[in-house]
């Protein structure tokens, strides 16, 4: 319950109330030798540091979190933590690192058939493409995400309430006819095809306007 309450305060953006509860919960998990708890509490502490405190410490905690989750086979948490690293890299402009981490998350999401995880991770590629000025790639990926939402229904409350808008906002820099044309093409793709398309285009510079990458 300490962990849950600390997480609630983190989500409410009240780090001064969340931090001591998460730290106390971590101490309890360690006393109990509860490895899943030892993953979850520092993971949320890492998010707290990234948002409100020491970003370098936050990233270090995430890296440690990935290693521990992998060690104990907590695959869902490992994928989510890799996604957090990808998002942090996007926000700091390290696009290659963002795509590398998102690709790792996608591989794990595929293993555990996590639909929402795949959408979060592939959205990182749309953000990275927009940051590179690649309107066609960003539009194609985002169109595929929209099509998956239409086919499969809501992704999850967190996506609908917050993250969807956060990931869509960076696409504004490439808005225009090229983006919209690619968006329409992307809507014809399955999410699996869109993931393969996104992975194939990793680290590529944007093609010249009007050209098609093969």
C-alpha atoms as a PDB file:
ATOM      1  CA  UNK A   1       0.000   0.000   0.000  1.00  0.00           C
ATOM      2  CA  UNK A   2       2.908   2.333   0.629  1.00  0.00           C
ATOM      3  CA  UNK A   3       4.013   1.692  -2.953  1.00  0.00           C
ATOM      4  CA  UNK A   4       0.509   2.267  -4.324  1.00  0.00           C
ATOM      5  CA  UNK A   5       0.056   5.504  -2.387  1.00  0.00           C
ATOM      6  CA  UNK A   6       3.477   6.751  -3.463  1.00  0.00           C
ATOM      7  CA  UNK A   7       2.569   6.004  -7.076  1.00  0.00           C
ATOM      8  CA  UNK A   8      -0.724   7.878  -6.746  1.00  0.00           C
ATOM      9  CA  UNK A   9       1.102  10.964  -5.489  1.00  0.00           C
ATOM     10  CA  UNK A  10       3.633  10.637  -8.314  1.00  0.00           C
ATOM     11  CA  UNK A  11       0.791  10.542 -10.848  1.00  0.00           C
ATOM     12  CA  UNK A  12      -0.743  13.579  -9.135  1.00  0.00           C
ATOM     13  CA  UNK A  13       2.612  15.353  -9.590  1.00  0.00           C
ATOM     14  CA  UNK A  14       3.176  15.660  -5.855  1.00  0.00           C
ATOM     15  CA  UNK A  15       6.762  14.380  -5.556  1.00  0.00           C
ATOM     16  CA  UNK A  16       7.252  15.691  -2.039  1.00  0.00           C
ATOM     17  CA  UNK A  17       4.516  13.309  -0.854  1.00  0.00           C
ATOM     18  CA  UNK A  18       5.314  10.442  -3.205  1.00  0.00           C
ATOM     19  CA  UNK A  19       9.068  10.172  -2.665  1.00  0.00           C
ATOM     20  CA  UNK A  20       9.104   9.151   1.041  1.00  0.00           C
ATOM     21  CA  UNK A  21       6.372   6.571   0.495  1.00  0.00           C
ATOM     22  CA  UNK A  22       8.172   5.004  -2.472  1.00  0.00           C
ATOM     23  CA  UNK A  23      11.456   4.969  -0.563  1.00  0.00           C
ATOM     24  CA  UNK A  24       9.807   3.357   2.456  1.00  0.00           C
ATOM     25  CA  UNK A  25       8.121   0.773   0.252  1.00  0.00           C
ATOM     26  CA  UNK A  26      11.455  -0.067  -1.389  1.00  0.00           C
ATOM     27  CA  UNK A  27      13.033  -0.635   2.019  1.00  0.00           C
ATOM     28  CA  UNK A  28      10.162  -2.970   2.874  1.00  0.00           C
ATOM     29  CA  UNK A  29      10.461  -4.907  -0.380  1.00  0.00           C
ATOM     30  CA  UNK A  30      14.172  -5.379   0.266  1.00  0.00           C
ATOM     31  CA  UNK A  31      13.533  -6.657   3.795  1.00  0.00           C
ATOM     32  CA  UNK A  32      11.058  -9.147   2.368  1.00  0.00           C
ATOM     33  CA  UNK A  33      13.377  -9.976  -0.555  1.00  0.00           C
ATOM     34  CA  UNK A  34      10.477  -9.272  -2.896  1.00  0.00           C
ATOM     35  CA  UNK A  35      12.247  -8.869  -6.226  1.00  0.00           C
ATOM     36  CA  UNK A  36       9.200  -7.657  -8.143  1.00  0.00           C
ATOM     37  CA  UNK A  37       8.729  -4.926  -5.568  1.00  0.00           C
ATOM     38  CA  UNK A  38      12.427  -4.131  -5.810  1.00  0.00           C
ATOM     39  CA  UNK A  39      11.791  -3.480  -9.516  1.00  0.00           C
ATOM     40  CA  UNK A  40       8.607  -1.486  -9.171  1.00  0.00           C
ATOM     41  CA  UNK A  41       9.523   0.950  -6.402  1.00  0.00           C
ATOM     42  CA  UNK A  42      12.862   2.135  -7.888  1.00  0.00           C
ATOM     43  CA  UNK A  43      11.231   2.293 -11.313  1.00  0.00           C
ATOM     44  CA  UNK A  44       8.714   4.802 -10.037  1.00  0.00           C
ATOM     45  CA  UNK A  45      11.419   6.623  -8.099  1.00  0.00           C
ATOM     46  CA  UNK A  46      13.312   6.885 -11.387  1.00  0.00           C
ATOM     47  CA  UNK A  47      10.279   8.460 -13.055  1.00  0.00           C
ATOM     48  CA  UNK A  48      10.026  10.879 -10.128  1.00  0.00           C
ATOM     49  CA  UNK A  49      13.670  11.902 -10.538  1.00  0.00           C
ATOM     50  CA  UNK A  50      13.288  12.343 -14.296  1.00  0.00           C
ATOM     51  CA  UNK A  51      10.245  14.562 -13.879  1.00  0.00           C
ATOM     52  CA  UNK A  52      11.077  16.526 -10.760  1.00  0.00           C
ATOM     53  CA  UNK A  53      14.615  15.882  -9.546  1.00  0.00           C
ATOM     54  CA  UNK A  54      17.961  14.545 -10.733  1.00  0.00           C
ATOM     55  CA  UNK A  55      17.629  13.344 -14.343  1.00  0.00           C
ATOM     56  CA  UNK A  56      21.055  11.649 -14.320  1.00  0.00           C
ATOM     57  CA  UNK A  57      20.086   9.647 -11.231  1.00  0.00           C
ATOM     58  CA  UNK A  58      16.713   8.872 -12.795  1.00  0.00           C
ATOM     59  CA  UNK A  59      18.308   7.399 -15.883  1.00  0.00           C
ATOM     60  CA  UNK A  60      20.766   5.389 -13.786  1.00  0.00           C
ATOM     61  CA  UNK A  61      17.882   3.941 -11.775  1.00  0.00           C
ATOM     62  CA  UNK A  62      16.070   2.990 -14.992  1.00  0.00           C
ATOM     63  CA  UNK A  63      19.154   1.213 -16.337  1.00  0.00           C
ATOM     64  CA  UNK A  64      19.466  -0.753 -13.100  1.00  0.00           C
ATOM     65  CA  UNK A  65      15.746  -1.470 -13.255  1.00  0.00           C
ATOM     66  CA  UNK A  66      16.020  -2.985 -16.733  1.00  0.00           C
ATOM     67  CA  UNK A  67      18.821  -5.292 -15.570  1.00  0.00           C
ATOM     68  CA  UNK A  68      16.918  -6.482 -12.486  1.00  0.00           C
ATOM     69  CA  UNK A  69      13.650  -7.005 -14.382  1.00  0.00           C
ATOM     70  CA  UNK A  70      15.522  -9.058 -16.980  1.00  0.00           C
ATOM     71  CA  UNK A  71      17.248 -11.098 -14.270  1.00  0.00           C
ATOM     72  CA  UNK A  72      13.970 -12.144 -12.624  1.00  0.00           C
ATOM     73  CA  UNK A  73      11.966 -12.522 -15.834  1.00  0.00           C
ATOM     74  CA  UNK A  74       9.629  -9.585 -15.131  1.00  0.00           C
ATOM     75  CA  UNK A  75       9.231  -8.999 -18.876  1.00  0.00           C
ATOM     76  CA  UNK A  76       6.278  -6.623 -18.791  1.00  0.00           C
ATOM     77  CA  UNK A  77       8.134  -4.309 -16.410  1.00  0.00           C
ATOM     78  CA  UNK A  78      11.360  -4.588 -18.399  1.00  0.00           C
ATOM     79  CA  UNK A  79       9.524  -3.502 -21.562  1.00  0.00           C
ATOM     80  CA  UNK A  80       7.894  -0.580 -19.788  1.00  0.00           C
ATOM     81  CA  UNK A  81      11.216   0.575 -18.365  1.00  0.00           C
ATOM     82  CA  UNK A  82      12.837   0.412 -21.798  1.00  0.00           C
ATOM     83  CA  UNK A  83       9.987   2.557 -23.061  1.00  0.00           C
ATOM     84  CA  UNK A  84      10.682   5.075 -20.274  1.00  0.00           C
ATOM     85  CA  UNK A  85      14.325   5.211 -21.396  1.00  0.00           C
ATOM     86  CA  UNK A  86      13.176   5.761 -24.983  1.00  0.00           C
ATOM     87  CA  UNK A  87      10.876   8.576 -23.948  1.00  0.00           C
ATOM     88  CA  UNK A  88      13.611  10.244 -21.905  1.00  0.00           C
ATOM     89  CA  UNK A  89      15.949  10.039 -24.903  1.00  0.00           C
ATOM     90  CA  UNK A  90      13.302  11.654 -27.111  1.00  0.00           C
ATOM     91  CA  UNK A  91      12.889  14.520 -24.678  1.00  0.00           C
ATOM     92  CA  UNK A  92      16.646  15.099 -24.573  1.00  0.00           C
ATOM     93  CA  UNK A  93      17.053  14.877 -28.361  1.00  0.00           C
ATOM     94  CA  UNK A  94      19.003  11.595 -28.495  1.00  0.00           C
ATOM     95  CA  UNK A  95      16.947  10.114 -31.321  1.00  0.00           C
ATOM     96  CA  UNK A  96      19.178   7.131 -32.102  1.00  0.00           C
ATOM     97  CA  UNK A  97      19.087   6.061 -28.460  1.00  0.00           C
ATOM     98  CA  UNK A  98      15.318   6.559 -28.360  1.00  0.00           C
ATOM     99  CA  UNK A  99      14.810   4.272 -31.339  1.00  0.00           C
ATOM    100  CA  UNK A 100      17.217   1.679 -29.948  1.00  0.00           C
ATOM    101  CA  UNK A 101      15.357   1.495 -26.657  1.00  0.00           C
ATOM    102  CA  UNK A 102      11.944   1.524 -28.341  1.00  0.00           C
ATOM    103  CA  UNK A 103      13.039  -1.374 -30.576  1.00  0.00           C
ATOM    104  CA  UNK A 104      14.083  -3.375 -27.500  1.00  0.00           C
ATOM    105  CA  UNK A 105      10.733  -2.654 -25.867  1.00  0.00           C
ATOM    106  CA  UNK A 106       8.865  -3.733 -28.993  1.00  0.00           C
ATOM    107  CA  UNK A 107      10.635  -7.088 -29.044  1.00  0.00           C
ATOM    108  CA  UNK A 108       9.544  -7.787 -25.474  1.00  0.00           C
ATOM    109  CA  UNK A 109       6.021  -6.494 -26.087  1.00  0.00           C
ATOM    110  CA  UNK A 110       5.781  -8.949 -28.973  1.00  0.00           C
ATOM    111  CA  UNK A 111       6.855 -11.829 -26.745  1.00  0.00           C
ATOM    112  CA  UNK A 112       4.139 -11.129 -24.173  1.00  0.00           C
ATOM    113  CA  UNK A 113       1.530  -9.966 -26.722  1.00  0.00           C
ATOM    114  CA  UNK A 114       1.160  -6.576 -25.070  1.00  0.00           C
ATOM    115  CA  UNK A 115      -0.984  -4.510 -27.442  1.00  0.00           C
ATOM    116  CA  UNK A 116      -0.790  -1.263 -25.489  1.00  0.00           C
ATOM    117  CA  UNK A 117       2.963  -1.636 -25.027  1.00  0.00           C
ATOM    118  CA  UNK A 118       3.448  -1.972 -28.776  1.00  0.00           C
ATOM    119  CA  UNK A 119       1.448   1.181 -29.426  1.00  0.00           C
ATOM    120  CA  UNK A 120       3.425   3.175 -26.864  1.00  0.00           C
ATOM    121  CA  UNK A 121       6.718   1.937 -28.301  1.00  0.00           C
ATOM    122  CA  UNK A 122       5.898   2.464 -31.969  1.00  0.00           C
ATOM    123  CA  UNK A 123       4.698   5.969 -31.121  1.00  0.00           C
ATOM    124  CA  UNK A 124       8.297   6.708 -30.107  1.00  0.00           C
ATOM    125  CA  UNK A 125       9.300   6.116 -33.728  1.00  0.00           C
ATOM    126  CA  UNK A 126       6.694   8.601 -34.967  1.00  0.00           C
ATOM    127  CA  UNK A 127       8.038  11.208 -32.535  1.00  0.00           C
ATOM    128  CA  UNK A 128      11.636  10.518 -33.604  1.00  0.00           C
ATOM    129  CA  UNK A 129      10.703  10.737 -37.292  1.00  0.00           C
ATOM    130  CA  UNK A 130       9.028  14.094 -36.750  1.00  0.00           C
ATOM    131  CA  UNK A 131      12.082  15.353 -34.850  1.00  0.00           C
ATOM    132  CA  UNK A 132      14.190  14.428 -37.885  1.00  0.00           C
ATOM    133  CA  UNK A 133      11.805  16.258 -40.210  1.00  0.00           C
ATOM    134  CA  UNK A 134      10.619  13.043 -41.858  1.00  0.00           C
ATOM    135  CA  UNK A 135       6.947  13.845 -42.475  1.00  0.00           C
ATOM    136  CA  UNK A 136       6.315  10.699 -44.523  1.00  0.00           C
ATOM    137  CA  UNK A 137       7.598   8.267 -41.913  1.00  0.00           C
ATOM    138  CA  UNK A 138       5.921  10.072 -39.027  1.00  0.00           C
ATOM    139  CA  UNK A 139       2.612  10.165 -40.887  1.00  0.00           C
ATOM    140  CA  UNK A 140       2.768   6.509 -41.906  1.00  0.00           C
ATOM    141  CA  UNK A 141       3.401   5.347 -38.342  1.00  0.00           C
ATOM    142  CA  UNK A 142       0.771   7.607 -36.820  1.00  0.00           C
ATOM    143  CA  UNK A 143      -1.800   6.520 -39.398  1.00  0.00           C
ATOM    144  CA  UNK A 144      -1.157   2.905 -38.459  1.00  0.00           C
ATOM    145  CA  UNK A 145      -1.616   3.720 -34.774  1.00  0.00           C
ATOM    146  CA  UNK A 146      -4.940   5.410 -35.500  1.00  0.00           C
ATOM    147  CA  UNK A 147      -6.068   2.409 -37.543  1.00  0.00           C
ATOM    148  CA  UNK A 148      -5.163   0.041 -34.700  1.00  0.00           C
ATOM    149  CA  UNK A 149      -7.132   2.195 -32.272  1.00  0.00           C
ATOM    150  CA  UNK A 150     -10.148   2.008 -34.591  1.00  0.00           C
ATOM    151  CA  UNK A 151      -9.848  -1.766 -34.962  1.00  0.00           C
ATOM    152  CA  UNK A 152      -9.025  -2.755 -31.423  1.00  0.00           C
ATOM    153  CA  UNK A 153     -10.719  -0.091 -29.336  1.00  0.00           C
ATOM    154  CA  UNK A 154      -9.229   1.957 -26.472  1.00  0.00           C
ATOM    155  CA  UNK A 155      -5.567   1.397 -25.716  1.00  0.00           C
ATOM    156  CA  UNK A 156      -5.879   2.256 -22.037  1.00  0.00           C
ATOM    157  CA  UNK A 157      -6.856   5.126 -19.817  1.00  0.00           C
ATOM    158  CA  UNK A 158      -3.320   6.489 -19.451  1.00  0.00           C
ATOM    159  CA  UNK A 159      -2.895   6.585 -23.240  1.00  0.00           C
ATOM    160  CA  UNK A 160      -6.240   8.242 -23.835  1.00  0.00           C
ATOM    161  CA  UNK A 161      -6.009  10.688 -20.928  1.00  0.00           C
ATOM    162  CA  UNK A 162      -2.416  11.816 -21.287  1.00  0.00           C
ATOM    163  CA  UNK A 163       0.127  10.067 -23.431  1.00  0.00           C
ATOM    164  CA  UNK A 164      -1.640  10.127 -26.774  1.00  0.00           C
ATOM    165  CA  UNK A 165      -1.684  13.929 -26.807  1.00  0.00           C
ATOM    166  CA  UNK A 166       1.907  14.037 -25.562  1.00  0.00           C
ATOM    167  CA  UNK A 167       3.100  11.852 -28.436  1.00  0.00           C
ATOM    168  CA  UNK A 168       0.954  13.565 -31.047  1.00  0.00           C
ATOM    169  CA  UNK A 169       2.127  17.089 -30.179  1.00  0.00           C
ATOM    170  CA  UNK A 170       5.676  16.729 -31.662  1.00  0.00           C
ATOM    171  CA  UNK A 171       4.127  15.719 -34.995  1.00  0.00           C
ATOM    172  CA  UNK A 172       2.964  19.301 -35.515  1.00  0.00           C
ATOM    173  CA  UNK A 173       6.385  20.239 -36.877  1.00  0.00           C
ATOM    174  CA  UNK A 174       5.822  18.030 -39.942  1.00  0.00           C
ATOM    175  CA  UNK A 175       2.126  18.755 -40.450  1.00  0.00           C
ATOM    176  CA  UNK A 176       1.080  19.250 -44.062  1.00  0.00           C
ATOM    177  CA  UNK A 177       0.166  17.402 -47.270  1.00  0.00           C
ATOM    178  CA  UNK A 178       3.094  14.963 -47.152  1.00  0.00           C
ATOM    179  CA  UNK A 179       2.254  13.946 -43.594  1.00  0.00           C
ATOM    180  CA  UNK A 180      -1.450  13.549 -44.389  1.00  0.00           C
ATOM    181  CA  UNK A 181      -0.796  11.470 -47.508  1.00  0.00           C
ATOM    182  CA  UNK A 182       1.475   9.149 -45.532  1.00  0.00           C
ATOM    183  CA  UNK A 183      -1.057   9.049 -42.709  1.00  0.00           C
ATOM    184  CA  UNK A 184      -3.665   7.719 -45.134  1.00  0.00           C
ATOM    185  CA  UNK A 185      -1.200   5.081 -46.375  1.00  0.00           C
ATOM    186  CA  UNK A 186      -0.368   4.088 -42.805  1.00  0.00           C
ATOM    187  CA  UNK A 187      -4.037   3.545 -42.035  1.00  0.00           C
ATOM    188  CA  UNK A 188      -3.940   0.595 -44.455  1.00  0.00           C
ATOM    189  CA  UNK A 189      -1.232  -1.188 -42.456  1.00  0.00           C
ATOM    190  CA  UNK A 190      -1.677  -3.684 -39.651  1.00  0.00           C
ATOM    191  CA  UNK A 191       0.140  -2.775 -36.476  1.00  0.00           C
ATOM    192  CA  UNK A 192       2.561  -5.653 -37.102  1.00  0.00           C
ATOM    193  CA  UNK A 193       3.403  -4.322 -40.570  1.00  0.00           C
ATOM    194  CA  UNK A 194       3.786  -0.818 -39.170  1.00  0.00           C
ATOM    195  CA  UNK A 195       6.230  -2.066 -36.549  1.00  0.00           C
ATOM    196  CA  UNK A 196       8.352  -3.793 -39.183  1.00  0.00           C
ATOM    197  CA  UNK A 197       8.233  -0.646 -41.299  1.00  0.00           C
ATOM    198  CA  UNK A 198       9.317   1.500 -38.363  1.00  0.00           C
ATOM    199  CA  UNK A 199      12.158  -0.831 -37.395  1.00  0.00           C
ATOM    200  CA  UNK A 200      13.398  -1.002 -40.987  1.00  0.00           C
ATOM    201  CA  UNK A 201      13.695   2.786 -41.109  1.00  0.00           C
ATOM    202  CA  UNK A 202      15.651   3.227 -37.887  1.00  0.00           C
ATOM    203  CA  UNK A 203      18.333   5.919 -37.969  1.00  0.00           C
ATOM    204  CA  UNK A 204      17.638   6.749 -41.622  1.00  0.00           C
ATOM    205  CA  UNK A 205      17.698  10.411 -42.617  1.00  0.00           C
ATOM    206  CA  UNK A 206      14.432  11.676 -44.091  1.00  0.00           C
ATOM    207  CA  UNK A 207      14.012  11.073 -47.798  1.00  0.00           C
ATOM    208  CA  UNK A 208      13.720  14.086 -50.062  1.00  0.00           C
ATOM    209  CA  UNK A 209      10.171  15.319 -50.440  1.00  0.00           C
ATOM    210  CA  UNK A 210       8.294  13.376 -53.098  1.00  0.00           C
ATOM    211  CA  UNK A 211      10.580  10.323 -53.051  1.00  0.00           C
ATOM    212  CA  UNK A 212       9.742   6.836 -51.827  1.00  0.00           C
ATOM    213  CA  UNK A 213      12.168   4.875 -49.638  1.00  0.00           C
ATOM    214  CA  UNK A 214      12.470   1.201 -50.573  1.00  0.00           C
END
